[in-house]
Amino acid sequence: AIGSGGGGSSNQTQQEFTAKLLELPFGPALVVI
């Protein structure tokens, strides 16, 4: 409403979340969980 965009799309948010999980120990397993 104030013209600042409202943040990223749901795809971007999900991909950022997934990337952070993958950086952790056993990251791929955490993503599958």
PDB file of all heavy atoms in Angstrom:
ATOM      1  N   ALA A   1       0.812  -1.215   0.000  1.00  0.00           N
ATOM      2  CA  ALA A   1       0.000   0.000   0.000  1.00  0.00           C
ATOM      3  C   ALA A   1       0.847   1.269   0.000  1.00  0.00           C
ATOM      4  O   ALA A   1       0.483   2.273  -0.615  1.00  0.00           O
ATOM      5  CB  ALA A   1      -0.944  -0.001   1.208  1.00  0.00           C
ATOM      6  N   ILE A   2       2.002   1.222   0.678  1.00  0.00           N
ATOM      7  CA  ILE A   2       2.865   2.416   0.732  1.00  0.00           C
ATOM      8  C   ILE A   2       3.907   2.405  -0.379  1.00  0.00           C
ATOM      9  O   ILE A   2       4.757   3.301  -0.461  1.00  0.00           O
ATOM     10  CB  ILE A   2       3.563   2.544   2.102  1.00  0.00           C
ATOM     11  CG1 ILE A   2       4.505   1.360   2.361  1.00  0.00           C
ATOM     12  CG2 ILE A   2       2.535   2.670   3.209  1.00  0.00           C
ATOM     13  CD1 ILE A   2       5.289   1.469   3.653  1.00  0.00           C
ATOM     14  N   GLY A   3       3.846   1.382  -1.260  1.00  0.00           N
ATOM     15  CA  GLY A   3       4.701   1.351  -2.432  1.00  0.00           C
ATOM     16  C   GLY A   3       6.073   0.764  -2.238  1.00  0.00           C
ATOM     17  O   GLY A   3       6.973   0.984  -3.066  1.00  0.00           O
ATOM     18  N   SER A   4       6.274  -0.037  -1.171  1.00  0.00           N
ATOM     19  CA  SER A   4       7.595  -0.608  -0.933  1.00  0.00           C
ATOM     20  C   SER A   4       7.711  -2.056  -1.402  1.00  0.00           C
ATOM     21  O   SER A   4       8.684  -2.733  -1.106  1.00  0.00           O
ATOM     22  CB  SER A   4       7.952  -0.525   0.557  1.00  0.00           C
ATOM     23  OG  SER A   4       7.062  -1.311   1.333  1.00  0.00           O
ATOM     24  N   GLY A   5       6.701  -2.550  -2.119  1.00  0.00           N
ATOM     25  CA  GLY A   5       6.819  -3.856  -2.774  1.00  0.00           C
ATOM     26  C   GLY A   5       6.245  -5.032  -2.027  1.00  0.00           C
ATOM     27  O   GLY A   5       5.830  -6.003  -2.625  1.00  0.00           O
ATOM     28  N   GLY A   6       6.251  -5.017  -0.704  1.00  0.00           N
ATOM     29  CA  GLY A   6       5.661  -6.105   0.066  1.00  0.00           C
ATOM     30  C   GLY A   6       6.534  -7.320   0.229  1.00  0.00           C
ATOM     31  O   GLY A   6       6.088  -8.353   0.703  1.00  0.00           O
ATOM     32  N   GLY A   7       7.820  -7.216  -0.151  1.00  0.00           N
ATOM     33  CA  GLY A   7       8.712  -8.361   0.030  1.00  0.00           C
ATOM     34  C   GLY A   7       8.689  -9.299  -1.156  1.00  0.00           C
ATOM     35  O   GLY A   7       8.013  -9.068  -2.164  1.00  0.00           O
ATOM     36  N   GLY A   8       9.440 -10.400  -1.064  1.00  0.00           N
ATOM     37  CA  GLY A   8       9.559 -11.334  -2.170  1.00  0.00           C
ATOM     38  C   GLY A   8       8.336 -12.220  -2.325  1.00  0.00           C
ATOM     39  O   GLY A   8       7.436 -12.233  -1.485  1.00  0.00           O
ATOM     40  N   SER A   9       8.345 -12.971  -3.425  1.00  0.00           N
ATOM     41  CA  SER A   9       7.247 -13.892  -3.692  1.00  0.00           C
ATOM     42  C   SER A   9       7.337 -15.102  -2.777  1.00  0.00           C
ATOM     43  O   SER A   9       8.331 -15.312  -2.079  1.00  0.00           O
ATOM     44  CB  SER A   9       7.296 -14.340  -5.153  1.00  0.00           C
ATOM     45  OG  SER A   9       8.435 -15.150  -5.364  1.00  0.00           O
ATOM     46  N   SER A  10       6.286 -15.924  -2.796  1.00  0.00           N
ATOM     47  CA  SER A  10       6.307 -17.149  -2.002  1.00  0.00           C
ATOM     48  C   SER A  10       7.421 -18.075  -2.464  1.00  0.00           C
ATOM     49  O   SER A  10       8.021 -18.793  -1.663  1.00  0.00           O
ATOM     50  CB  SER A  10       4.951 -17.854  -2.103  1.00  0.00           C
ATOM     51  OG  SER A  10       4.642 -18.181  -3.453  1.00  0.00           O
ATOM     52  N   ASN A  11       7.728 -18.047  -3.773  1.00  0.00           N
ATOM     53  CA  ASN A  11       8.826 -18.872  -4.292  1.00  0.00           C
ATOM     54  C   ASN A  11      10.159 -18.442  -3.692  1.00  0.00           C
ATOM     55  O   ASN A  11      10.959 -19.266  -3.246  1.00  0.00           O
ATOM     56  CB  ASN A  11       8.900 -18.769  -5.814  1.00  0.00           C
ATOM     57  CG  ASN A  11       7.710 -19.409  -6.494  1.00  0.00           C
ATOM     58  OD1 ASN A  11       7.032 -20.256  -5.931  1.00  0.00           O
ATOM     59  ND2 ASN A  11       7.443 -18.981  -7.713  1.00  0.00           N
ATOM     60  N   GLN A  12      10.399 -17.124  -3.700  1.00  0.00           N
ATOM     61  CA  GLN A  12      11.655 -16.610  -3.157  1.00  0.00           C
ATOM     62  C   GLN A  12      11.785 -16.944  -1.679  1.00  0.00           C
ATOM     63  O   GLN A  12      12.855 -17.371  -1.214  1.00  0.00           O
ATOM     64  CB  GLN A  12      11.724 -15.102  -3.365  1.00  0.00           C
ATOM     65  CG  GLN A  12      13.011 -14.473  -2.851  1.00  0.00           C
ATOM     66  CD  GLN A  12      13.033 -12.956  -3.044  1.00  0.00           C
ATOM     67  OE1 GLN A  12      12.258 -12.408  -3.816  1.00  0.00           O
ATOM     68  NE2 GLN A  12      13.927 -12.296  -2.336  1.00  0.00           N
ATOM     69  N   THR A  13      10.707 -16.755  -0.939  1.00  0.00           N
ATOM     70  CA  THR A  13      10.728 -17.044   0.492  1.00  0.00           C
ATOM     71  C   THR A  13      11.036 -18.515   0.748  1.00  0.00           C
ATOM     72  O   THR A  13      11.853 -18.860   1.610  1.00  0.00           O
ATOM     73  CB  THR A  13       9.371 -16.683   1.123  1.00  0.00           C
ATOM     74  OG1 THR A  13       9.117 -15.293   0.913  1.00  0.00           O
ATOM     75  CG2 THR A  13       9.379 -16.959   2.619  1.00  0.00           C
ATOM     76  N   GLN A  14      10.380 -19.394  -0.015  1.00  0.00           N
ATOM     77  CA  GLN A  14      10.602 -20.832   0.159  1.00  0.00           C
ATOM     78  C   GLN A  14      12.025 -21.226  -0.217  1.00  0.00           C
ATOM     79  O   GLN A  14      12.657 -22.053   0.455  1.00  0.00           O
ATOM     80  CB  GLN A  14       9.594 -21.601  -0.691  1.00  0.00           C
ATOM     81  CG  GLN A  14       9.597 -23.109  -0.470  1.00  0.00           C
ATOM     82  CD  GLN A  14       8.981 -23.498   0.852  1.00  0.00           C
ATOM     83  OE1 GLN A  14       9.545 -23.256   1.912  1.00  0.00           O
ATOM     84  NE2 GLN A  14       7.804 -24.094   0.793  1.00  0.00           N
ATOM     85  N   GLN A  15      12.545 -20.644  -1.280  1.00  0.00           N
ATOM     86  CA  GLN A  15      13.901 -20.973  -1.708  1.00  0.00           C
ATOM     87  C   GLN A  15      14.942 -20.481  -0.712  1.00  0.00           C
ATOM     88  O   GLN A  15      15.939 -21.163  -0.450  1.00  0.00           O
ATOM     89  CB  GLN A  15      14.159 -20.386  -3.097  1.00  0.00           C
ATOM     90  CG  GLN A  15      13.384 -21.117  -4.189  1.00  0.00           C
ATOM     91  CD  GLN A  15      13.427 -20.412  -5.525  1.00  0.00           C
ATOM     92  OE1 GLN A  15      14.093 -19.379  -5.683  1.00  0.00           O
ATOM     93  NE2 GLN A  15      12.704 -20.936  -6.502  1.00  0.00           N
ATOM     94  N   GLU A  16      14.717 -19.305  -0.134  1.00  0.00           N
ATOM     95  CA  GLU A  16      15.643 -18.796   0.877  1.00  0.00           C
ATOM     96  C   GLU A  16      15.628 -19.677   2.119  1.00  0.00           C
ATOM     97  O   GLU A  16      16.670 -19.969   2.703  1.00  0.00           O
ATOM     98  CB  GLU A  16      15.281 -17.351   1.237  1.00  0.00           C
ATOM     99  CG  GLU A  16      15.571 -16.354   0.110  1.00  0.00           C
ATOM    100  CD  GLU A  16      15.062 -14.962   0.428  1.00  0.00           C
ATOM    101  OE1 GLU A  16      14.331 -14.817   1.448  1.00  0.00           O
ATOM    102  OE2 GLU A  16      15.369 -14.025  -0.332  1.00  0.00           O
ATOM    103  N   PHE A  17      14.433 -20.106   2.519  1.00  0.00           N
ATOM    104  CA  PHE A  17      14.304 -20.996   3.669  1.00  0.00           C
ATOM    105  C   PHE A  17      15.020 -22.322   3.403  1.00  0.00           C
ATOM    106  O   PHE A  17      15.757 -22.841   4.265  1.00  0.00           O
ATOM    107  CB  PHE A  17      12.819 -21.236   3.956  1.00  0.00           C
ATOM    108  CG  PHE A  17      12.544 -22.372   4.903  1.00  0.00           C
ATOM    109  CD1 PHE A  17      12.752 -22.226   6.267  1.00  0.00           C
ATOM    110  CD2 PHE A  17      12.073 -23.598   4.433  1.00  0.00           C
ATOM    111  CE1 PHE A  17      12.500 -23.278   7.144  1.00  0.00           C
ATOM    112  CE2 PHE A  17      11.816 -24.645   5.300  1.00  0.00           C
ATOM    113  CZ  PHE A  17      12.034 -24.475   6.656  1.00  0.00           C
ATOM    114  N   THR A  18      14.831 -22.858   2.200  1.00  0.00           N
ATOM    115  CA  THR A  18      15.462 -24.128   1.839  1.00  0.00           C
ATOM    116  C   THR A  18      16.981 -24.000   1.814  1.00  0.00           C
ATOM    117  O   THR A  18      17.703 -24.888   2.286  1.00  0.00           O
ATOM    118  CB  THR A  18      14.954 -24.602   0.470  1.00  0.00           C
ATOM    119  OG1 THR A  18      13.528 -24.678   0.496  1.00  0.00           O
ATOM    120  CG2 THR A  18      15.522 -25.966   0.109  1.00  0.00           C
ATOM    121  N   ALA A  19      17.480 -22.890   1.270  1.00  0.00           N
ATOM    122  CA  ALA A  19      18.928 -22.681   1.206  1.00  0.00           C
ATOM    123  C   ALA A  19      19.542 -22.631   2.606  1.00  0.00           C
ATOM    124  O   ALA A  19      20.628 -23.189   2.833  1.00  0.00           O
ATOM    125  CB  ALA A  19      19.221 -21.372   0.461  1.00  0.00           C
ATOM    126  N   LYS A  20      18.860 -21.997   3.550  1.00  0.00           N
ATOM    127  CA  LYS A  20      19.369 -21.929   4.924  1.00  0.00           C
ATOM    128  C   LYS A  20      19.396 -23.309   5.567  1.00  0.00           C
ATOM    129  O   LYS A  20      20.334 -23.644   6.294  1.00  0.00           O
ATOM    130  CB  LYS A  20      18.513 -20.969   5.744  1.00  0.00           C
ATOM    131  CG  LYS A  20      18.689 -19.503   5.349  1.00  0.00           C
ATOM    132  CD  LYS A  20      17.784 -18.593   6.165  1.00  0.00           C
ATOM    133  CE  LYS A  20      17.963 -17.143   5.743  1.00  0.00           C
ATOM    134  NZ  LYS A  20      17.043 -16.236   6.501  1.00  0.00           N
ATOM    135  N   LEU A  21      18.364 -24.111   5.302  1.00  0.00           N
ATOM    136  CA  LEU A  21      18.355 -25.478   5.834  1.00  0.00           C
ATOM    137  C   LEU A  21      19.491 -26.315   5.247  1.00  0.00           C
ATOM    138  O   LEU A  21      20.145 -27.084   5.952  1.00  0.00           O
ATOM    139  CB  LEU A  21      17.011 -26.154   5.536  1.00  0.00           C
ATOM    140  CG  LEU A  21      15.833 -25.848   6.450  1.00  0.00           C
ATOM    141  CD1 LEU A  21      14.633 -26.695   6.035  1.00  0.00           C
ATOM    142  CD2 LEU A  21      16.169 -26.102   7.913  1.00  0.00           C
ATOM    143  N   LEU A  22      19.727 -26.145   3.952  1.00  0.00           N
ATOM    144  CA  LEU A  22      20.758 -26.940   3.289  1.00  0.00           C
ATOM    145  C   LEU A  22      22.159 -26.603   3.802  1.00  0.00           C
ATOM    146  O   LEU A  22      23.075 -27.424   3.696  1.00  0.00           O
ATOM    147  CB  LEU A  22      20.695 -26.723   1.770  1.00  0.00           C
ATOM    148  CG  LEU A  22      19.503 -27.366   1.050  1.00  0.00           C
ATOM    149  CD1 LEU A  22      19.455 -26.924  -0.400  1.00  0.00           C
ATOM    150  CD2 LEU A  22      19.584 -28.886   1.148  1.00  0.00           C
ATOM    151  N   GLU A  23      22.334 -25.407   4.349  1.00  0.00           N
ATOM    152  CA  GLU A  23      23.636 -25.010   4.886  1.00  0.00           C
ATOM    153  C   GLU A  23      23.941 -25.672   6.228  1.00  0.00           C
ATOM    154  O   GLU A  23      25.092 -25.695   6.666  1.00  0.00           O
ATOM    155  CB  GLU A  23      23.688 -23.491   5.047  1.00  0.00           C
ATOM    156  CG  GLU A  23      23.697 -22.735   3.717  1.00  0.00           C
ATOM    157  CD  GLU A  23      23.572 -21.228   3.917  1.00  0.00           C
ATOM    158  OE1 GLU A  23      23.431 -20.800   5.084  1.00  0.00           O
ATOM    159  OE2 GLU A  23      23.623 -20.499   2.906  1.00  0.00           O
ATOM    160  N   LEU A  24      22.921 -26.218   6.871  1.00  0.00           N
ATOM    161  CA  LEU A  24      23.094 -26.844   8.180  1.00  0.00           C
ATOM    162  C   LEU A  24      23.628 -28.270   8.029  1.00  0.00           C
ATOM    163  O   LEU A  24      23.526 -28.870   6.953  1.00  0.00           O
ATOM    164  CB  LEU A  24      21.758 -26.869   8.919  1.00  0.00           C
ATOM    165  CG  LEU A  24      21.119 -25.507   9.230  1.00  0.00           C
ATOM    166  CD1 LEU A  24      19.731 -25.717   9.825  1.00  0.00           C
ATOM    167  CD2 LEU A  24      21.988 -24.695  10.185  1.00  0.00           C
ATOM    168  N   PRO A  25      24.203 -28.828   9.107  1.00  0.00           N
ATOM    169  CA  PRO A  25      24.582 -30.246   9.070  1.00  0.00           C
ATOM    170  C   PRO A  25      23.360 -31.108   8.747  1.00  0.00           C
ATOM    171  O   PRO A  25      22.268 -30.846   9.265  1.00  0.00           O
ATOM    172  CB  PRO A  25      25.100 -30.511  10.490  1.00  0.00           C
ATOM    173  CG  PRO A  25      25.540 -29.161  10.981  1.00  0.00           C
ATOM    174  CD  PRO A  25      24.587 -28.177  10.370  1.00  0.00           C
ATOM    175  N   PHE A  26      23.557 -32.087   7.879  1.00  0.00           N
ATOM    176  CA  PHE A  26      22.450 -32.955   7.426  1.00  0.00           C
ATOM    177  C   PHE A  26      21.339 -32.128   6.771  1.00  0.00           C
ATOM    178  O   PHE A  26      20.160 -32.455   6.868  1.00  0.00           O
ATOM    179  CB  PHE A  26      21.882 -33.775   8.590  1.00  0.00           C
ATOM    180  CG  PHE A  26      22.903 -34.560   9.351  1.00  0.00           C
ATOM    181  CD1 PHE A  26      23.327 -34.138  10.602  1.00  0.00           C
ATOM    182  CD2 PHE A  26      23.462 -35.708   8.805  1.00  0.00           C
ATOM    183  CE1 PHE A  26      24.279 -34.853  11.305  1.00  0.00           C
ATOM    184  CE2 PHE A  26      24.421 -36.430   9.492  1.00  0.00           C
ATOM    185  CZ  PHE A  26      24.840 -36.002  10.755  1.00  0.00           C
ATOM    186  N   GLY A  27      21.754 -31.032   6.100  1.00  0.00           N
ATOM    187  CA  GLY A  27      20.786 -30.119   5.487  1.00  0.00           C
ATOM    188  C   GLY A  27      19.779 -30.774   4.570  1.00  0.00           C
ATOM    189  O   GLY A  27      18.563 -30.556   4.715  1.00  0.00           O
ATOM    190  N   PRO A  28      20.211 -31.607   3.608  1.00  0.00           N
ATOM    191  CA  PRO A  28      19.232 -32.254   2.713  1.00  0.00           C
ATOM    192  C   PRO A  28      18.187 -33.068   3.468  1.00  0.00           C
ATOM    193  O   PRO A  28      16.997 -33.053   3.117  1.00  0.00           O
ATOM    194  CB  PRO A  28      20.107 -33.143   1.826  1.00  0.00           C
ATOM    195  CG  PRO A  28      21.425 -32.453   1.804  1.00  0.00           C
ATOM    196  CD  PRO A  28      21.596 -31.892   3.188  1.00  0.00           C
ATOM    197  N   ALA A  29      18.638 -33.774   4.529  1.00  0.00           N
ATOM    198  CA  ALA A  29      17.687 -34.566   5.321  1.00  0.00           C
ATOM    199  C   ALA A  29      16.691 -33.658   6.021  1.00  0.00           C
ATOM    200  O   ALA A  29      15.495 -33.971   6.119  1.00  0.00           O
ATOM    201  CB  ALA A  29      18.441 -35.416   6.351  1.00  0.00           C
ATOM    202  N   LEU A  30      17.160 -32.501   6.510  1.00  0.00           N
ATOM    203  CA  LEU A  30      16.272 -31.551   7.180  1.00  0.00           C
ATOM    204  C   LEU A  30      15.227 -31.008   6.209  1.00  0.00           C
ATOM    205  O   LEU A  30      14.064 -30.807   6.578  1.00  0.00           O
ATOM    206  CB  LEU A  30      17.082 -30.397   7.778  1.00  0.00           C
ATOM    207  CG  LEU A  30      18.006 -30.752   8.947  1.00  0.00           C
ATOM    208  CD1 LEU A  30      18.822 -29.539   9.363  1.00  0.00           C
ATOM    209  CD2 LEU A  30      17.185 -31.262  10.137  1.00  0.00           C
ATOM    210  N   VAL A  31      15.648 -30.758   4.975  1.00  0.00           N
ATOM    211  CA  VAL A  31      14.702 -30.261   3.968  1.00  0.00           C
ATOM    212  C   VAL A  31      13.635 -31.313   3.672  1.00  0.00           C
ATOM    213  O   VAL A  31      12.443 -30.997   3.557  1.00  0.00           O
ATOM    214  CB  VAL A  31      15.441 -29.865   2.670  1.00  0.00           C
ATOM    215  CG1 VAL A  31      14.440 -29.512   1.565  1.00  0.00           C
ATOM    216  CG2 VAL A  31      16.363 -28.682   2.932  1.00  0.00           C
ATOM    217  N   VAL A  32      14.039 -32.570   3.576  1.00  0.00           N
ATOM    218  CA  VAL A  32      13.077 -33.650   3.336  1.00  0.00           C
ATOM    219  C   VAL A  32      12.120 -33.779   4.519  1.00  0.00           C
ATOM    220  O   VAL A  32      10.908 -33.996   4.339  1.00  0.00           O
ATOM    221  CB  VAL A  32      13.810 -34.986   3.078  1.00  0.00           C
ATOM    222  CG1 VAL A  32      12.809 -36.136   3.010  1.00  0.00           C
ATOM    223  CG2 VAL A  32      14.614 -34.908   1.787  1.00  0.00           C
ATOM    224  N   ILE A  33      12.640 -33.608   5.743  1.00  0.00           N
ATOM    225  CA  ILE A  33      11.777 -33.644   6.935  1.00  0.00           C
ATOM    226  C   ILE A  33      10.775 -32.487   6.892  1.00  0.00           C
ATOM    227  O   ILE A  33       9.596 -32.655   7.215  1.00  0.00           O
ATOM    228  CB  ILE A  33      12.622 -33.578   8.220  1.00  0.00           C
ATOM    229  CG1 ILE A  33      13.422 -34.879   8.385  1.00  0.00           C
ATOM    230  CG2 ILE A  33      11.743 -33.342   9.444  1.00  0.00           C
ATOM    231  CD1 ILE A  33      14.432 -34.847   9.499  1.00  0.00           C
TER     232      ILE A  33
END
